[in-house]
Amino acid sequence: GGGLVQAGGSLRLSCAASGNTFRTYNMGWFRQRPGKERE
């Protein structure tokens, strides 16, 4: 779902997880810019 967009635009990222116990997973999103720590 990533890509190039203009400021003010929208994107939807998707993450497909394996396993049959998905309901037991705490899920999240992080991001990282070059030279920076993961946020």
Full PDB file with SEQRES, HELIX, SHEET, SSBOND, CRYST1, ORIGX, SCALE, CONECT and MASTER records, all heavy atoms in Angstrom:
SEQRES   1 A   39  GLY GLY GLY LEU VAL GLN ALA GLY GLY SER LEU ARG LEU          
SEQRES   2 A   39  SER CYS ALA ALA SER GLY ASN THR PHE ARG THR TYR ASN          
SEQRES   3 A   39  MET GLY TRP PHE ARG GLN ARG PRO GLY LYS GLU ARG GLU          
HELIX    1 AA1 PHE A   22  THR A   24  5                                   3    
CRYST1    1.000    1.000    1.000  90.00  90.00  90.00 P 1           1          
ORIGX1      1.000000  0.000000  0.000000        0.00000                         
ORIGX2      0.000000  1.000000  0.000000        0.00000                         
ORIGX3      0.000000  0.000000  1.000000        0.00000                         
SCALE1      1.000000  0.000000  0.000000        0.00000                         
SCALE2      0.000000  1.000000  0.000000        0.00000                         
SCALE3      0.000000  0.000000  1.000000        0.00000                         
ATOM      1  N   GLY A   1       0.769  -1.232   0.000  1.00  0.00           N  
ATOM      2  CA  GLY A   1       0.000   0.000   0.000  1.00  0.00           C  
ATOM      3  C   GLY A   1       0.798   1.279   0.000  1.00  0.00           C  
ATOM      4  O   GLY A   1       0.222   2.368  -0.128  1.00  0.00           O  
ATOM      5  N   GLY A   2       2.108   1.182   0.146  1.00  0.00           N  
ATOM      6  CA  GLY A   2       2.925   2.378   0.126  1.00  0.00           C  
ATOM      7  C   GLY A   2       2.989   2.979  -1.265  1.00  0.00           C  
ATOM      8  O   GLY A   2       2.598   2.356  -2.248  1.00  0.00           O  
ATOM      9  N   GLY A   3       3.481   4.197  -1.327  1.00  0.00           N  
ATOM     10  CA  GLY A   3       3.596   4.863  -2.609  1.00  0.00           C  
ATOM     11  C   GLY A   3       3.927   6.321  -2.461  1.00  0.00           C  
ATOM     12  O   GLY A   3       4.274   6.791  -1.375  1.00  0.00           O  
ATOM     13  N   LEU A   4       3.809   7.027  -3.565  1.00  0.00           N  
ATOM     14  CA  LEU A   4       4.094   8.457  -3.622  1.00  0.00           C  
ATOM     15  C   LEU A   4       2.784   9.229  -3.707  1.00  0.00           C  
ATOM     16  O   LEU A   4       1.958   8.959  -4.591  1.00  0.00           O  
ATOM     17  CB  LEU A   4       4.975   8.767  -4.832  1.00  0.00           C  
ATOM     18  CG  LEU A   4       5.254  10.237  -5.131  1.00  0.00           C  
ATOM     19  CD1 LEU A   4       6.037  10.870  -3.992  1.00  0.00           C  
ATOM     20  CD2 LEU A   4       5.998  10.367  -6.446  1.00  0.00           C  
ATOM     21  N   VAL A   5       2.598  10.151  -2.792  1.00  0.00           N  
ATOM     22  CA  VAL A   5       1.392  10.973  -2.778  1.00  0.00           C  
ATOM     23  C   VAL A   5       1.764  12.419  -2.510  1.00  0.00           C  
ATOM     24  O   VAL A   5       2.832  12.719  -1.975  1.00  0.00           O  
ATOM     25  CB  VAL A   5       0.370  10.506  -1.721  1.00  0.00           C  
ATOM     26  CG1 VAL A   5      -0.108   9.095  -2.023  1.00  0.00           C  
ATOM     27  CG2 VAL A   5       0.975  10.577  -0.332  1.00  0.00           C  
ATOM     28  N   GLN A   6       0.867  13.313  -2.874  1.00  0.00           N  
ATOM     29  CA  GLN A   6       1.055  14.718  -2.579  1.00  0.00           C  
ATOM     30  C   GLN A   6       0.601  15.031  -1.156  1.00  0.00           C  
ATOM     31  O   GLN A   6      -0.232  14.324  -0.587  1.00  0.00           O  
ATOM     32  CB  GLN A   6       0.269  15.589  -3.557  1.00  0.00           C  
ATOM     33  CG  GLN A   6       0.713  15.483  -4.995  1.00  0.00           C  
ATOM     34  CD  GLN A   6      -0.047  16.431  -5.899  1.00  0.00           C  
ATOM     35  OE1 GLN A   6      -0.282  17.587  -5.551  1.00  0.00           O  
ATOM     36  NE2 GLN A   6      -0.424  15.952  -7.065  1.00  0.00           N  
ATOM     37  N   ALA A   7       1.166  16.082  -0.597  1.00  0.00           N  
ATOM     38  CA  ALA A   7       0.738  16.525   0.721  1.00  0.00           C  
ATOM     39  C   ALA A   7      -0.772  16.745   0.729  1.00  0.00           C  
ATOM     40  O   ALA A   7      -1.338  17.311  -0.206  1.00  0.00           O  
ATOM     41  CB  ALA A   7       1.465  17.798   1.116  1.00  0.00           C  
ATOM     42  N   GLY A   8      -1.402  16.289   1.792  1.00  0.00           N  
ATOM     43  CA  GLY A   8      -2.844  16.380   1.903  1.00  0.00           C  
ATOM     44  C   GLY A   8      -3.574  15.162   1.380  1.00  0.00           C  
ATOM     45  O   GLY A   8      -4.787  15.028   1.610  1.00  0.00           O  
ATOM     46  N   GLY A   9      -2.863  14.285   0.713  1.00  0.00           N  
ATOM     47  CA  GLY A   9      -3.465  13.087   0.161  1.00  0.00           C  
ATOM     48  C   GLY A   9      -3.602  11.980   1.179  1.00  0.00           C  
ATOM     49  O   GLY A   9      -3.285  12.144   2.357  1.00  0.00           O  
ATOM     50  N   SER A  10      -4.059  10.822   0.701  1.00  0.00           N  
ATOM     51  CA  SER A  10      -4.321   9.682   1.571  1.00  0.00           C  
ATOM     52  C   SER A  10      -3.734   8.409   1.001  1.00  0.00           C  
ATOM     53  O   SER A  10      -3.595   8.251  -0.214  1.00  0.00           O  
ATOM     54  CB  SER A  10      -5.829   9.485   1.760  1.00  0.00           C  
ATOM     55  OG  SER A  10      -6.436  10.594   2.383  1.00  0.00           O  
ATOM     56  N   LEU A  11      -3.396   7.496   1.892  1.00  0.00           N  
ATOM     57  CA  LEU A  11      -2.971   6.153   1.550  1.00  0.00           C  
ATOM     58  C   LEU A  11      -3.498   5.202   2.608  1.00  0.00           C  
ATOM     59  O   LEU A  11      -3.697   5.596   3.753  1.00  0.00           O  
ATOM     60  CB  LEU A  11      -1.448   6.026   1.500  1.00  0.00           C  
ATOM     61  CG  LEU A  11      -0.687   6.544   0.286  1.00  0.00           C  
ATOM     62  CD1 LEU A  11       0.813   6.419   0.542  1.00  0.00           C  
ATOM     63  CD2 LEU A  11      -1.077   5.773  -0.966  1.00  0.00           C  
ATOM     64  N   ARG A  12      -3.692   3.957   2.219  1.00  0.00           N  
ATOM     65  CA  ARG A  12      -4.022   2.922   3.184  1.00  0.00           C  
ATOM     66  C   ARG A  12      -3.002   1.807   3.093  1.00  0.00           C  
ATOM     67  O   ARG A  12      -2.864   1.167   2.047  1.00  0.00           O  
ATOM     68  CB  ARG A  12      -5.423   2.346   2.970  1.00  0.00           C  
ATOM     69  CG  ARG A  12      -5.858   1.444   4.131  1.00  0.00           C  
ATOM     70  CD  ARG A  12      -7.249   0.875   3.979  1.00  0.00           C  
ATOM     71  NE  ARG A  12      -7.290  -0.252   3.071  1.00  0.00           N  
ATOM     72  CZ  ARG A  12      -8.183  -1.234   3.119  1.00  0.00           C  
ATOM     73  NH1 ARG A  12      -9.136  -1.206   4.052  1.00  0.00           N  
ATOM     74  NH2 ARG A  12      -8.158  -2.208   2.239  1.00  0.00           N  
ATOM     75  N   LEU A  13      -2.291   1.586   4.175  1.00  0.00           N  
ATOM     76  CA  LEU A  13      -1.332   0.510   4.250  1.00  0.00           C  
ATOM     77  C   LEU A  13      -2.008  -0.756   4.759  1.00  0.00           C  
ATOM     78  O   LEU A  13      -2.879  -0.698   5.624  1.00  0.00           O  
ATOM     79  CB  LEU A  13      -0.178   0.868   5.183  1.00  0.00           C  
ATOM     80  CG  LEU A  13       0.567   2.170   4.890  1.00  0.00           C  
ATOM     81  CD1 LEU A  13       1.739   2.325   5.851  1.00  0.00           C  
ATOM     82  CD2 LEU A  13       1.035   2.220   3.446  1.00  0.00           C  
ATOM     83  N   SER A  14      -1.582  -1.886   4.224  1.00  0.00           N  
ATOM     84  CA  SER A  14      -2.120  -3.167   4.632  1.00  0.00           C  
ATOM     85  C   SER A  14      -0.998  -4.073   5.111  1.00  0.00           C  
ATOM     86  O   SER A  14       0.118  -4.005   4.614  1.00  0.00           O  
ATOM     87  CB  SER A  14      -2.851  -3.855   3.471  1.00  0.00           C  
ATOM     88  OG  SER A  14      -3.939  -3.080   3.023  1.00  0.00           O  
ATOM     89  N   CYS A  15      -1.319  -4.925   6.053  1.00  0.00           N  
ATOM     90  CA  CYS A  15      -0.374  -5.900   6.572  1.00  0.00           C  
ATOM     91  C   CYS A  15      -1.107  -7.214   6.757  1.00  0.00           C  
ATOM     92  O   CYS A  15      -2.024  -7.300   7.583  1.00  0.00           O  
ATOM     93  CB  CYS A  15       0.220  -5.426   7.897  1.00  0.00           C  
ATOM     94  SG  CYS A  15       1.231  -6.659   8.744  1.00  0.00           S  
ATOM     95  N   ALA A  16      -0.713  -8.218   5.990  1.00  0.00           N  
ATOM     96  CA  ALA A  16      -1.297  -9.547   6.104  1.00  0.00           C  
ATOM     97  C   ALA A  16      -0.409 -10.407   6.988  1.00  0.00           C  
ATOM     98  O   ALA A  16       0.794 -10.518   6.743  1.00  0.00           O  
ATOM     99  CB  ALA A  16      -1.451 -10.175   4.726  1.00  0.00           C  
ATOM    100  N   ALA A  17      -0.997 -11.003   8.005  1.00  0.00           N  
ATOM    101  CA  ALA A  17      -0.260 -11.805   8.971  1.00  0.00           C  
ATOM    102  C   ALA A  17      -0.546 -13.286   8.779  1.00  0.00           C  
ATOM    103  O   ALA A  17      -1.679 -13.682   8.511  1.00  0.00           O  
ATOM    104  CB  ALA A  17      -0.620 -11.396  10.391  1.00  0.00           C  
ATOM    105  N   SER A  18       0.478 -14.089   8.942  1.00  0.00           N  
ATOM    106  CA  SER A  18       0.308 -15.528   8.885  1.00  0.00           C  
ATOM    107  C   SER A  18      -0.128 -16.046  10.250  1.00  0.00           C  
ATOM    108  O   SER A  18      -0.114 -15.320  11.248  1.00  0.00           O  
ATOM    109  CB  SER A  18       1.605 -16.204   8.452  1.00  0.00           C  
ATOM    110  OG  SER A  18       2.614 -16.041   9.442  1.00  0.00           O  
ATOM    111  N   GLY A  19      -0.512 -17.318  10.285  1.00  0.00           N  
ATOM    112  CA  GLY A  19      -0.881 -17.943  11.539  1.00  0.00           C  
ATOM    113  C   GLY A  19      -2.377 -18.055  11.733  1.00  0.00           C  
ATOM    114  O   GLY A  19      -3.161 -17.308  11.137  1.00  0.00           O  
ATOM    115  N   ASN A  20      -2.762 -18.977  12.595  1.00  0.00           N  
ATOM    116  CA  ASN A  20      -4.171 -19.204  12.878  1.00  0.00           C  
ATOM    117  C   ASN A  20      -4.588 -18.689  14.249  1.00  0.00           C  
ATOM    118  O   ASN A  20      -5.667 -19.027  14.737  1.00  0.00           O  
ATOM    119  CB  ASN A  20      -4.516 -20.693  12.745  1.00  0.00           C  
ATOM    120  CG  ASN A  20      -3.644 -21.578  13.621  1.00  0.00           C  
ATOM    121  OD1 ASN A  20      -2.904 -21.100  14.468  1.00  0.00           O  
ATOM    122  ND2 ASN A  20      -3.729 -22.886  13.398  1.00  0.00           N  
ATOM    123  N   THR A  21      -3.741 -17.888  14.855  1.00  0.00           N  
ATOM    124  CA  THR A  21      -4.041 -17.295  16.153  1.00  0.00           C  
ATOM    125  C   THR A  21      -3.925 -15.778  16.090  1.00  0.00           C  
ATOM    126  O   THR A  21      -3.468 -15.138  17.037  1.00  0.00           O  
ATOM    127  CB  THR A  21      -3.114 -17.854  17.252  1.00  0.00           C  
ATOM    128  OG1 THR A  21      -1.751 -17.627  16.887  1.00  0.00           O  
ATOM    129  CG2 THR A  21      -3.356 -19.339  17.448  1.00  0.00           C  
ATOM    130  N   PHE A  22      -4.370 -15.204  14.992  1.00  0.00           N  
ATOM    131  CA  PHE A  22      -4.259 -13.771  14.769  1.00  0.00           C  
ATOM    132  C   PHE A  22      -4.912 -12.969  15.887  1.00  0.00           C  
ATOM    133  O   PHE A  22      -4.441 -11.879  16.236  1.00  0.00           O  
ATOM    134  CB  PHE A  22      -4.884 -13.413  13.419  1.00  0.00           C  
ATOM    135  CG  PHE A  22      -4.833 -11.948  13.082  1.00  0.00           C  
ATOM    136  CD1 PHE A  22      -3.629 -11.309  12.869  1.00  0.00           C  
ATOM    137  CD2 PHE A  22      -6.008 -11.219  12.967  1.00  0.00           C  
ATOM    138  CE1 PHE A  22      -3.583  -9.960  12.549  1.00  0.00           C  
ATOM    139  CE2 PHE A  22      -5.982  -9.872  12.641  1.00  0.00           C  
ATOM    140  CZ  PHE A  22      -4.759  -9.251  12.433  1.00  0.00           C  
ATOM    141  N   ARG A  23      -5.973 -13.491  16.455  1.00  0.00           N  
ATOM    142  CA  ARG A  23      -6.677 -12.774  17.517  1.00  0.00           C  
ATOM    143  C   ARG A  23      -5.833 -12.626  18.775  1.00  0.00           C  
ATOM    144  O   ARG A  23      -6.178 -11.816  19.646  1.00  0.00           O  
ATOM    145  CB  ARG A  23      -7.984 -13.489  17.866  1.00  0.00           C  
ATOM    146  CG  ARG A  23      -9.095 -13.262  16.861  1.00  0.00           C  
ATOM    147  CD  ARG A  23     -10.401 -13.878  17.341  1.00  0.00           C  
ATOM    148  NE  ARG A  23     -11.490 -13.581  16.423  1.00  0.00           N  
ATOM    149  CZ  ARG A  23     -12.270 -12.520  16.512  1.00  0.00           C  
ATOM    150  NH1 ARG A  23     -12.096 -11.643  17.503  1.00  0.00           N  
ATOM    151  NH2 ARG A  23     -13.235 -12.329  15.623  1.00  0.00           N  
ATOM    152  N   THR A  24      -4.758 -13.374  18.877  1.00  0.00           N  
ATOM    153  CA  THR A  24      -3.881 -13.263  20.033  1.00  0.00           C  
ATOM    154  C   THR A  24      -2.744 -12.275  19.801  1.00  0.00           C  
ATOM    155  O   THR A  24      -1.951 -12.029  20.702  1.00  0.00           O  
ATOM    156  CB  THR A  24      -3.282 -14.618  20.417  1.00  0.00           C  
ATOM    157  OG1 THR A  24      -2.326 -15.032  19.423  1.00  0.00           O  
ATOM    158  CG2 THR A  24      -4.372 -15.678  20.539  1.00  0.00           C  
ATOM    159  N   TYR A  25      -2.652 -11.717  18.597  1.00  0.00           N  
ATOM    160  CA  TYR A  25      -1.555 -10.809  18.284  1.00  0.00           C  
ATOM    161  C   TYR A  25      -1.918  -9.370  18.620  1.00  0.00           C  
ATOM    162  O   TYR A  25      -2.958  -8.870  18.187  1.00  0.00           O  
ATOM    163  CB  TYR A  25      -1.199 -10.841  16.795  1.00  0.00           C  
ATOM    164  CG  TYR A  25      -0.895 -12.190  16.192  1.00  0.00           C  
ATOM    165  CD1 TYR A  25      -0.816 -12.314  14.810  1.00  0.00           C  
ATOM    166  CD2 TYR A  25      -0.676 -13.315  16.962  1.00  0.00           C  
ATOM    167  CE1 TYR A  25      -0.535 -13.524  14.222  1.00  0.00           C  
ATOM    168  CE2 TYR A  25      -0.393 -14.541  16.381  1.00  0.00           C  
ATOM    169  CZ  TYR A  25      -0.327 -14.634  15.009  1.00  0.00           C  
ATOM    170  OH  TYR A  25      -0.048 -15.841  14.414  1.00  0.00           O  
ATOM    171  N   ASN A  26      -1.064  -8.723  19.371  1.00  0.00           N  
ATOM    172  CA  ASN A  26      -1.103  -7.274  19.443  1.00  0.00           C  
ATOM    173  C   ASN A  26      -0.409  -6.752  18.185  1.00  0.00           C  
ATOM    174  O   ASN A  26       0.690  -7.198  17.851  1.00  0.00           O  
ATOM    175  CB  ASN A  26      -0.378  -6.766  20.679  1.00  0.00           C  
ATOM    176  CG  ASN A  26      -1.034  -7.222  21.954  1.00  0.00           C  
ATOM    177  OD1 ASN A  26      -2.134  -6.796  22.281  1.00  0.00           O  
ATOM    178  ND2 ASN A  26      -0.361  -8.089  22.707  1.00  0.00           N  
ATOM    179  N   MET A  27      -1.042  -5.837  17.505  1.00  0.00           N  
ATOM    180  CA  MET A  27      -0.509  -5.367  16.226  1.00  0.00           C  
ATOM    181  C   MET A  27      -0.207  -3.874  16.273  1.00  0.00           C  
ATOM    182  O   MET A  27      -0.817  -3.121  17.035  1.00  0.00           O  
ATOM    183  CB  MET A  27      -1.499  -5.641  15.098  1.00  0.00           C  
ATOM    184  CG  MET A  27      -1.870  -7.107  14.929  1.00  0.00           C  
ATOM    185  SD  MET A  27      -0.456  -8.151  14.463  1.00  0.00           S  
ATOM    186  CE  MET A  27       0.015  -7.407  12.897  1.00  0.00           C  
ATOM    187  N   GLY A  28       0.717  -3.464  15.421  1.00  0.00           N  
ATOM    188  CA  GLY A  28       1.061  -2.052  15.386  1.00  0.00           C  
ATOM    189  C   GLY A  28       1.784  -1.660  14.121  1.00  0.00           C  
ATOM    190  O   GLY A  28       2.108  -2.496  13.270  1.00  0.00           O  
ATOM    191  N   TRP A  29       1.995  -0.376  14.020  1.00  0.00           N  
ATOM    192  CA  TRP A  29       2.759   0.200  12.920  1.00  0.00           C  
ATOM    193  C   TRP A  29       3.852   1.095  13.481  1.00  0.00           C  
ATOM    194  O   TRP A  29       3.626   1.852  14.426  1.00  0.00           O  
ATOM    195  CB  TRP A  29       1.869   1.031  11.987  1.00  0.00           C  
ATOM    196  CG  TRP A  29       0.928   0.229  11.151  1.00  0.00           C  
ATOM    197  CD1 TRP A  29      -0.367  -0.074  11.439  1.00  0.00           C  
ATOM    198  CD2 TRP A  29       1.209  -0.359   9.878  1.00  0.00           C  
ATOM    199  NE1 TRP A  29      -0.917  -0.816  10.425  1.00  0.00           N  
ATOM    200  CE2 TRP A  29       0.031  -1.010   9.449  1.00  0.00           C  
ATOM    201  CE3 TRP A  29       2.328  -0.401   9.057  1.00  0.00           C  
ATOM    202  CZ2 TRP A  29      -0.053  -1.691   8.241  1.00  0.00           C  
ATOM    203  CZ3 TRP A  29       2.256  -1.076   7.856  1.00  0.00           C  
ATOM    204  CH2 TRP A  29       1.079  -1.713   7.459  1.00  0.00           C  
ATOM    205  N   PHE A  30       5.021   0.986  12.877  1.00  0.00           N  
ATOM    206  CA  PHE A  30       6.153   1.847  13.174  1.00  0.00           C  
ATOM    207  C   PHE A  30       6.652   2.432  11.869  1.00  0.00           C  
ATOM    208  O   PHE A  30       6.347   1.917  10.793  1.00  0.00           O  
ATOM    209  CB  PHE A  30       7.283   1.071  13.865  1.00  0.00           C  
ATOM    210  CG  PHE A  30       6.972   0.646  15.271  1.00  0.00           C  
ATOM    211  CD1 PHE A  30       6.051  -0.349  15.528  1.00  0.00           C  
ATOM    212  CD2 PHE A  30       7.624   1.246  16.344  1.00  0.00           C  
ATOM    213  CE1 PHE A  30       5.768  -0.748  16.824  1.00  0.00           C  
ATOM    214  CE2 PHE A  30       7.349   0.856  17.649  1.00  0.00           C  
ATOM    215  CZ  PHE A  30       6.422  -0.141  17.886  1.00  0.00           C  
ATOM    216  N   ARG A  31       7.424   3.481  11.969  1.00  0.00           N  
ATOM    217  CA  ARG A  31       8.020   4.052  10.770  1.00  0.00           C  
ATOM    218  C   ARG A  31       9.454   4.473  11.057  1.00  0.00           C  
ATOM    219  O   ARG A  31       9.831   4.712  12.199  1.00  0.00           O  
ATOM    220  CB  ARG A  31       7.201   5.235  10.243  1.00  0.00           C  
ATOM    221  CG  ARG A  31       7.148   6.439  11.173  1.00  0.00           C  
ATOM    222  CD  ARG A  31       6.174   7.473  10.626  1.00  0.00           C  
ATOM    223  NE  ARG A  31       6.111   8.671  11.448  1.00  0.00           N  
ATOM    224  CZ  ARG A  31       5.275   9.676  11.236  1.00  0.00           C  
ATOM    225  NH1 ARG A  31       4.421   9.635  10.209  1.00  0.00           N  
ATOM    226  NH2 ARG A  31       5.283  10.739  12.032  1.00  0.00           N  
ATOM    227  N   GLN A  32      10.224   4.581   9.995  1.00  0.00           N  
ATOM    228  CA  GLN A  32      11.622   4.924  10.143  1.00  0.00           C  
ATOM    229  C   GLN A  32      12.093   5.747   8.952  1.00  0.00           C  
ATOM    230  O   GLN A  32      11.893   5.356   7.803  1.00  0.00           O  
ATOM    231  CB  GLN A  32      12.480   3.664  10.273  1.00  0.00           C  
ATOM    232  CG  GLN A  32      13.930   3.926  10.627  1.00  0.00           C  
ATOM    233  CD  GLN A  32      14.656   2.655  11.020  1.00  0.00           C  
ATOM    234  OE1 GLN A  32      14.266   1.553  10.639  1.00  0.00           O  
ATOM    235  NE2 GLN A  32      15.722   2.801  11.789  1.00  0.00           N  
ATOM    236  N   ARG A  33      12.707   6.873   9.248  1.00  0.00           N  
ATOM    237  CA  ARG A  33      13.299   7.716   8.228  1.00  0.00           C  
ATOM    238  C   ARG A  33      14.800   7.454   8.206  1.00  0.00           C  
ATOM    239  O   ARG A  33      15.375   7.047   9.219  1.00  0.00           O  
ATOM    240  CB  ARG A  33      13.007   9.186   8.500  1.00  0.00           C  
ATOM    241  CG  ARG A  33      11.515   9.488   8.623  1.00  0.00           C  
ATOM    242  CD  ARG A  33      11.237  10.963   8.730  1.00  0.00           C  
ATOM    243  NE  ARG A  33      11.506  11.645   7.466  1.00  0.00           N  
ATOM    244  CZ  ARG A  33      11.259  12.923   7.234  1.00  0.00           C  
ATOM    245  NH1 ARG A  33      10.726  13.673   8.185  1.00  0.00           N  
ATOM    246  NH2 ARG A  33      11.536  13.464   6.059  1.00  0.00           N  
ATOM    247  N   PRO A  34      15.450   7.676   7.071  1.00  0.00           N  
ATOM    248  CA  PRO A  34      16.885   7.414   6.971  1.00  0.00           C  
ATOM    249  C   PRO A  34      17.676   8.135   8.055  1.00  0.00           C  
ATOM    250  O   PRO A  34      17.494   9.334   8.279  1.00  0.00           O  
ATOM    251  CB  PRO A  34      17.241   7.940   5.581  1.00  0.00           C  
ATOM    252  CG  PRO A  34      15.974   7.813   4.806  1.00  0.00           C  
ATOM    253  CD  PRO A  34      14.885   8.144   5.790  1.00  0.00           C  
ATOM    254  N   GLY A  35      18.535   7.398   8.718  1.00  0.00           N  
ATOM    255  CA  GLY A  35      19.372   7.963   9.757  1.00  0.00           C  
ATOM    256  C   GLY A  35      18.674   8.195  11.074  1.00  0.00           C  
ATOM    257  O   GLY A  35      19.287   8.726  12.010  1.00  0.00           O  
ATOM    258  N   LYS A  36      17.402   7.814  11.168  1.00  0.00           N  
ATOM    259  CA  LYS A  36      16.636   8.015  12.387  1.00  0.00           C  
ATOM    260  C   LYS A  36      16.246   6.677  12.999  1.00  0.00           C  
ATOM    261  O   LYS A  36      16.214   5.650  12.329  1.00  0.00           O  
ATOM    262  CB  LYS A  36      15.375   8.829  12.106  1.00  0.00           C  
ATOM    263  CG  LYS A  36      15.628  10.198  11.505  1.00  0.00           C  
ATOM    264  CD  LYS A  36      16.315  11.114  12.489  1.00  0.00           C  
ATOM    265  CE  LYS A  36      16.474  12.506  11.909  1.00  0.00           C  
ATOM    266  NZ  LYS A  36      17.136  13.422  12.879  1.00  0.00           N  
ATOM    267  N   GLU A  37      15.933   6.708  14.281  1.00  0.00           N  
ATOM    268  CA  GLU A  37      15.463   5.512  14.962  1.00  0.00           C  
ATOM    269  C   GLU A  37      14.031   5.208  14.554  1.00  0.00           C  
ATOM    270  O   GLU A  37      13.284   6.093  14.148  1.00  0.00           O  
ATOM    271  CB  GLU A  37      15.541   5.696  16.479  1.00  0.00           C  
ATOM    272  CG  GLU A  37      16.952   5.821  17.022  1.00  0.00           C  
ATOM    273  CD  GLU A  37      16.979   5.917  18.531  1.00  0.00           C  
ATOM    274  OE1 GLU A  37      15.912   6.128  19.146  1.00  0.00           O  
ATOM    275  OE2 GLU A  37      18.070   5.774  19.107  1.00  0.00           O  
ATOM    276  N   ARG A  38      13.669   3.950  14.673  1.00  0.00           N  
ATOM    277  CA  ARG A  38      12.314   3.548  14.371  1.00  0.00           C  
ATOM    278  C   ARG A  38      11.355   4.207  15.360  1.00  0.00           C  
ATOM    279  O   ARG A  38      11.594   4.229  16.570  1.00  0.00           O  
ATOM    280  CB  ARG A  38      12.187   2.032  14.417  1.00  0.00           C  
ATOM    281  CG  ARG A  38      10.888   1.506  13.840  1.00  0.00           C  
ATOM    282  CD  ARG A  38      10.991   0.019  13.540  1.00  0.00           C  
ATOM    283  NE  ARG A  38      11.940  -0.254  12.471  1.00  0.00           N  
ATOM    284  CZ  ARG A  38      12.158  -1.449  11.947  1.00  0.00           C  
ATOM    285  NH1 ARG A  38      11.481  -2.499  12.405  1.00  0.00           N  
ATOM    286  NH2 ARG A  38      13.049  -1.612  10.987  1.00  0.00           N  
ATOM    287  N   GLU A  39      10.255   4.720  14.846  1.00  0.00           N  
ATOM    288  CA  GLU A  39       9.308   5.515  15.609  1.00  0.00           C  
ATOM    289  C   GLU A  39       7.948   4.826  15.674  1.00  0.00           C  
ATOM    290  O   GLU A  39       7.427   4.355  14.667  1.00  0.00           O  
ATOM    291  CB  GLU A  39       9.170   6.899  14.957  1.00  0.00           C  
ATOM    292  CG  GLU A  39       8.085   7.786  15.543  1.00  0.00           C  
ATOM    293  CD  GLU A  39       7.828   9.024  14.699  1.00  0.00           C  
ATOM    294  OE1 GLU A  39       8.447   9.159  13.616  1.00  0.00           O  
ATOM    295  OE2 GLU A  39       7.016   9.870  15.109  1.00  0.00           O  
TER     296      GLU A  39                                                      
MASTER        0    0    0    1    0    0    0    6  295    1    0    3          
END                                                                             
